[in-house]
Amino acid sequence: MYLHLGQDTVIHTRDLIGIFDLENSTVSQITRAYLSKAEKAGRVVNVSMELPKSFVVCSRGENEATVYLCQLSPSTLFKRTKLGAAFPAKEAPV
């Protein structure tokens, strides 16, 4: 199955490592360092011209990963995968 990230960018879900919220995850210094290192290595692809809301990490090879900066929210991307259908969101109690 494939996952559309926007702007004519599609990845195969078998290569998907993780979908992350950019605002919440970049609070961590470790995540910021990872994204900085990936950018310096030329492994960051900006999928949108708008402010990114999430980043998606995909395997590219044995020890390489590509980071896609995406304008879509992590929950939207998750719903686009088959996993999103398998784990529906819990409803709030009334």
N, C-alpha and C. Protein backbone atom coordinates (compact mmCIF):
# COMPACT_ATOMS: atom_id res chain seq x y z
N MET A 1 0.83 -1.17 0.00
CA MET A 1 0.00 0.00 0.00
C MET A 1 0.89 1.24 0.00
N TYR A 2 0.35 2.31 -0.52
CA TYR A 2 1.08 3.56 -0.64
C TYR A 2 0.43 4.64 0.23
N LEU A 3 1.25 5.60 0.63
CA LEU A 3 0.79 6.71 1.45
C LEU A 3 1.13 8.01 0.73
N HIS A 4 0.11 8.82 0.44
CA HIS A 4 0.30 10.10 -0.24
C HIS A 4 0.62 11.16 0.81
N LEU A 5 1.78 11.79 0.69
CA LEU A 5 2.22 12.80 1.64
C LEU A 5 1.87 14.21 1.20
N GLY A 6 1.48 14.37 -0.04
CA GLY A 6 1.16 15.68 -0.59
C GLY A 6 2.15 16.08 -1.66
N GLN A 7 1.74 17.04 -2.51
CA GLN A 7 2.61 17.58 -3.55
C GLN A 7 3.27 16.50 -4.41
N ASP A 8 2.51 15.55 -4.87
CA ASP A 8 3.00 14.48 -5.76
C ASP A 8 4.05 13.59 -5.11
N THR A 9 4.05 13.49 -3.80
CA THR A 9 4.99 12.62 -3.09
C THR A 9 4.23 11.45 -2.48
N VAL A 10 4.65 10.24 -2.88
CA VAL A 10 4.01 9.01 -2.42
C VAL A 10 5.11 8.08 -1.94
N ILE A 11 4.87 7.43 -0.80
CA ILE A 11 5.83 6.45 -0.28
C ILE A 11 5.14 5.11 -0.13
N HIS A 12 5.91 4.07 -0.14
CA HIS A 12 5.37 2.73 0.10
C HIS A 12 5.31 2.51 1.61
N THR A 13 4.20 2.01 2.11
CA THR A 13 4.04 1.86 3.56
C THR A 13 5.02 0.85 4.15
N ARG A 14 5.55 -0.05 3.35
CA ARG A 14 6.53 -1.00 3.90
C ARG A 14 7.82 -0.29 4.28
N ASP A 15 8.06 0.89 3.70
CA ASP A 15 9.26 1.68 4.02
C ASP A 15 9.04 2.64 5.19
N LEU A 16 7.81 2.75 5.65
CA LEU A 16 7.45 3.69 6.70
C LEU A 16 8.03 3.24 8.05
N ILE A 17 8.77 4.14 8.68
CA ILE A 17 9.30 3.88 10.01
C ILE A 17 8.45 4.57 11.07
N GLY A 18 8.07 5.82 10.81
CA GLY A 18 7.26 6.54 11.78
C GLY A 18 6.71 7.84 11.25
N ILE A 19 5.58 8.25 11.86
CA ILE A 19 4.94 9.53 11.57
C ILE A 19 4.97 10.32 12.87
N PHE A 20 5.53 11.53 12.82
CA PHE A 20 5.76 12.30 14.04
C PHE A 20 5.18 13.71 13.94
N ASP A 21 4.67 14.20 15.04
CA ASP A 21 4.17 15.57 15.14
C ASP A 21 5.39 16.47 15.29
N LEU A 22 5.56 17.39 14.38
CA LEU A 22 6.75 18.25 14.37
C LEU A 22 6.80 19.16 15.59
N GLU A 23 5.66 19.72 15.97
CA GLU A 23 5.63 20.66 17.09
C GLU A 23 5.96 19.98 18.42
N ASN A 24 5.37 18.82 18.67
CA ASN A 24 5.58 18.14 19.95
C ASN A 24 6.91 17.41 20.03
N SER A 25 7.35 16.82 18.95
CA SER A 25 8.57 16.01 19.01
C SER A 25 9.84 16.84 18.97
N THR A 26 9.80 18.04 18.42
CA THR A 26 11.01 18.85 18.37
C THR A 26 11.32 19.55 19.70
N VAL A 27 10.52 19.29 20.70
CA VAL A 27 10.83 19.78 22.05
C VAL A 27 12.08 19.06 22.55
N SER A 28 12.23 17.81 22.14
CA SER A 28 13.37 17.01 22.55
C SER A 28 14.63 17.43 21.81
N GLN A 29 15.71 17.59 22.53
CA GLN A 29 16.99 17.95 21.94
C GLN A 29 17.50 16.83 21.03
N ILE A 30 17.20 15.59 21.38
CA ILE A 30 17.64 14.44 20.58
C ILE A 30 16.97 14.46 19.20
N THR A 31 15.68 14.77 19.17
CA THR A 31 14.96 14.84 17.90
C THR A 31 15.50 15.99 17.05
N ARG A 32 15.73 17.13 17.64
CA ARG A 32 16.29 18.27 16.90
C ARG A 32 17.65 17.92 16.32
N ALA A 33 18.47 17.22 17.10
CA ALA A 33 19.79 16.82 16.62
C ALA A 33 19.67 15.83 15.46
N TYR A 34 18.71 14.89 15.55
CA TYR A 34 18.49 13.92 14.47
C TYR A 34 18.08 14.62 13.18
N LEU A 35 17.13 15.56 13.29
CA LEU A 35 16.66 16.28 12.11
C LEU A 35 17.78 17.15 11.51
N SER A 36 18.58 17.75 12.35
CA SER A 36 19.70 18.55 11.88
C SER A 36 20.72 17.69 11.15
N LYS A 37 21.03 16.54 11.71
CA LYS A 37 21.99 15.62 11.08
C LYS A 37 21.45 15.12 9.74
N ALA A 38 20.16 14.79 9.69
CA ALA A 38 19.56 14.32 8.44
C ALA A 38 19.58 15.42 7.38
N GLU A 39 19.34 16.65 7.80
CA GLU A 39 19.35 17.77 6.85
C GLU A 39 20.76 17.99 6.30
N LYS A 40 21.76 17.94 7.16
CA LYS A 40 23.15 18.12 6.71
C LYS A 40 23.57 17.00 5.76
N ALA A 41 23.01 15.80 5.94
CA ALA A 41 23.33 14.66 5.08
C ALA A 41 22.51 14.68 3.78
N GLY A 42 21.61 15.63 3.65
CA GLY A 42 20.80 15.73 2.44
C GLY A 42 19.68 14.71 2.37
N ARG A 43 19.21 14.26 3.52
CA ARG A 43 18.16 13.25 3.56
C ARG A 43 16.81 13.81 3.99
N VAL A 44 16.64 15.13 3.93
CA VAL A 44 15.36 15.76 4.28
C VAL A 44 14.71 16.27 3.00
N VAL A 45 13.45 15.89 2.81
CA VAL A 45 12.68 16.32 1.64
C VAL A 45 11.49 17.12 2.15
N ASN A 46 11.40 18.37 1.71
CA ASN A 46 10.27 19.21 2.09
C ASN A 46 9.18 18.99 1.06
N VAL A 47 8.08 18.39 1.47
CA VAL A 47 6.99 18.02 0.58
C VAL A 47 6.09 19.20 0.27
N SER A 48 6.11 20.23 1.07
CA SER A 48 5.17 21.33 0.92
C SER A 48 5.87 22.67 1.00
N MET A 49 5.25 23.67 0.44
CA MET A 49 5.76 25.03 0.55
C MET A 49 5.19 25.72 1.80
N GLU A 50 4.25 25.07 2.47
CA GLU A 50 3.64 25.63 3.67
C GLU A 50 4.41 25.18 4.92
N LEU A 51 4.02 25.73 6.04
CA LEU A 51 4.64 25.37 7.31
C LEU A 51 4.36 23.90 7.62
N PRO A 52 5.39 23.08 7.83
CA PRO A 52 5.15 21.65 8.08
C PRO A 52 4.54 21.40 9.46
N LYS A 53 3.68 20.38 9.52
CA LYS A 53 3.04 19.98 10.78
C LYS A 53 3.58 18.64 11.26
N SER A 54 4.16 17.87 10.35
CA SER A 54 4.64 16.54 10.73
C SER A 54 5.88 16.20 9.94
N PHE A 55 6.56 15.16 10.39
CA PHE A 55 7.63 14.60 9.58
C PHE A 55 7.49 13.09 9.59
N VAL A 56 7.83 12.51 8.44
CA VAL A 56 7.69 11.08 8.22
C VAL A 56 9.08 10.53 7.94
N VAL A 57 9.44 9.47 8.66
CA VAL A 57 10.74 8.84 8.47
C VAL A 57 10.52 7.53 7.73
N CYS A 58 11.27 7.35 6.63
CA CYS A 58 11.16 6.15 5.80
C CYS A 58 12.53 5.54 5.61
N SER A 59 12.57 4.21 5.56
CA SER A 59 13.84 3.53 5.31
C SER A 59 14.21 3.71 3.85
N ARG A 60 15.48 3.88 3.61
CA ARG A 60 15.95 4.09 2.25
C ARG A 60 16.94 3.01 1.86
N GLY A 61 17.52 2.41 2.81
CA GLY A 61 18.52 1.38 2.56
C GLY A 61 18.84 0.69 3.86
N GLU A 62 19.96 0.04 3.88
CA GLU A 62 20.37 -0.71 5.06
C GLU A 62 20.44 0.17 6.31
N ASN A 63 21.18 1.26 6.23
CA ASN A 63 21.35 2.13 7.40
C ASN A 63 20.99 3.58 7.09
N GLU A 64 20.15 3.81 6.11
CA GLU A 64 19.78 5.16 5.74
C GLU A 64 18.28 5.36 5.86
N ALA A 65 17.90 6.57 6.18
CA ALA A 65 16.48 6.92 6.27
C ALA A 65 16.28 8.29 5.64
N THR A 66 15.12 8.48 5.05
CA THR A 66 14.75 9.77 4.48
C THR A 66 13.68 10.38 5.36
N VAL A 67 13.79 11.68 5.60
CA VAL A 67 12.82 12.41 6.41
C VAL A 67 12.03 13.31 5.47
N TYR A 68 10.70 13.16 5.49
CA TYR A 68 9.82 13.99 4.69
C TYR A 68 9.10 14.98 5.62
N LEU A 69 9.24 16.27 5.35
CA LEU A 69 8.50 17.30 6.08
C LEU A 69 7.18 17.50 5.36
N CYS A 70 6.09 17.40 6.10
CA CYS A 70 4.77 17.35 5.48
C CYS A 70 3.82 18.37 6.12
N GLN A 71 2.96 18.97 5.31
CA GLN A 71 2.00 19.95 5.80
C GLN A 71 0.79 19.31 6.47
N LEU A 72 0.59 18.02 6.27
CA LEU A 72 -0.55 17.32 6.85
C LEU A 72 -0.28 16.95 8.30
N SER A 73 -1.34 16.87 9.10
CA SER A 73 -1.18 16.50 10.50
C SER A 73 -0.86 15.01 10.60
N PRO A 74 -0.19 14.61 11.69
CA PRO A 74 0.11 13.19 11.87
C PRO A 74 -1.15 12.32 11.90
N SER A 75 -2.23 12.83 12.48
CA SER A 75 -3.45 12.02 12.54
C SER A 75 -4.04 11.81 11.15
N THR A 76 -3.95 12.79 10.28
CA THR A 76 -4.43 12.63 8.90
C THR A 76 -3.60 11.60 8.16
N LEU A 77 -2.28 11.67 8.31
CA LEU A 77 -1.42 10.69 7.66
C LEU A 77 -1.68 9.28 8.19
N PHE A 78 -1.87 9.19 9.51
CA PHE A 78 -2.14 7.88 10.11
C PHE A 78 -3.45 7.29 9.58
N LYS A 79 -4.46 8.13 9.41
CA LYS A 79 -5.74 7.65 8.88
C LYS A 79 -5.62 7.19 7.44
N ARG A 80 -4.68 7.75 6.70
CA ARG A 80 -4.49 7.36 5.30
C ARG A 80 -3.83 5.98 5.17
N THR A 81 -3.24 5.49 6.22
CA THR A 81 -2.65 4.17 6.20
C THR A 81 -3.70 3.14 6.58
N LYS A 82 -3.45 1.89 6.29
CA LYS A 82 -4.37 0.83 6.72
C LYS A 82 -4.38 0.71 8.24
N LEU A 83 -3.30 1.10 8.88
CA LEU A 83 -3.24 1.04 10.35
C LEU A 83 -4.27 1.97 10.98
N GLY A 84 -4.52 3.11 10.33
CA GLY A 84 -5.50 4.06 10.84
C GLY A 84 -6.89 3.45 10.91
N ALA A 85 -7.21 2.57 9.97
CA ALA A 85 -8.51 1.90 9.97
C ALA A 85 -8.56 0.79 11.02
N ALA A 86 -7.41 0.20 11.32
CA ALA A 86 -7.36 -0.91 12.28
C ALA A 86 -7.44 -0.42 13.73
N PHE A 87 -7.03 0.82 13.97
CA PHE A 87 -7.03 1.38 15.32
C PHE A 87 -7.84 2.66 15.33
N PRO A 88 -9.17 2.58 15.36
CA PRO A 88 -9.98 3.80 15.34
C PRO A 88 -9.78 4.61 16.63
N ALA A 89 -9.97 5.91 16.50
CA ALA A 89 -9.83 6.80 17.67
C ALA A 89 -10.92 6.49 18.69
N LYS A 90 -10.55 6.60 19.95
CA LYS A 90 -11.52 6.36 21.03
C LYS A 90 -12.44 7.56 21.15
N GLU A 91 -13.69 7.29 21.41
CA GLU A 91 -14.65 8.37 21.59
C GLU A 91 -14.59 8.87 23.02
N ALA A 92 -14.78 10.15 23.18
CA ALA A 92 -14.78 10.75 24.51
C ALA A 92 -16.05 10.35 25.25
N PRO A 93 -15.97 10.07 26.55
CA PRO A 93 -17.17 9.73 27.30
C PRO A 93 -18.11 10.92 27.39
N VAL A 94 -19.38 10.62 27.40
CA VAL A 94 -20.40 11.70 27.43
C VAL A 94 -20.73 12.07 28.85
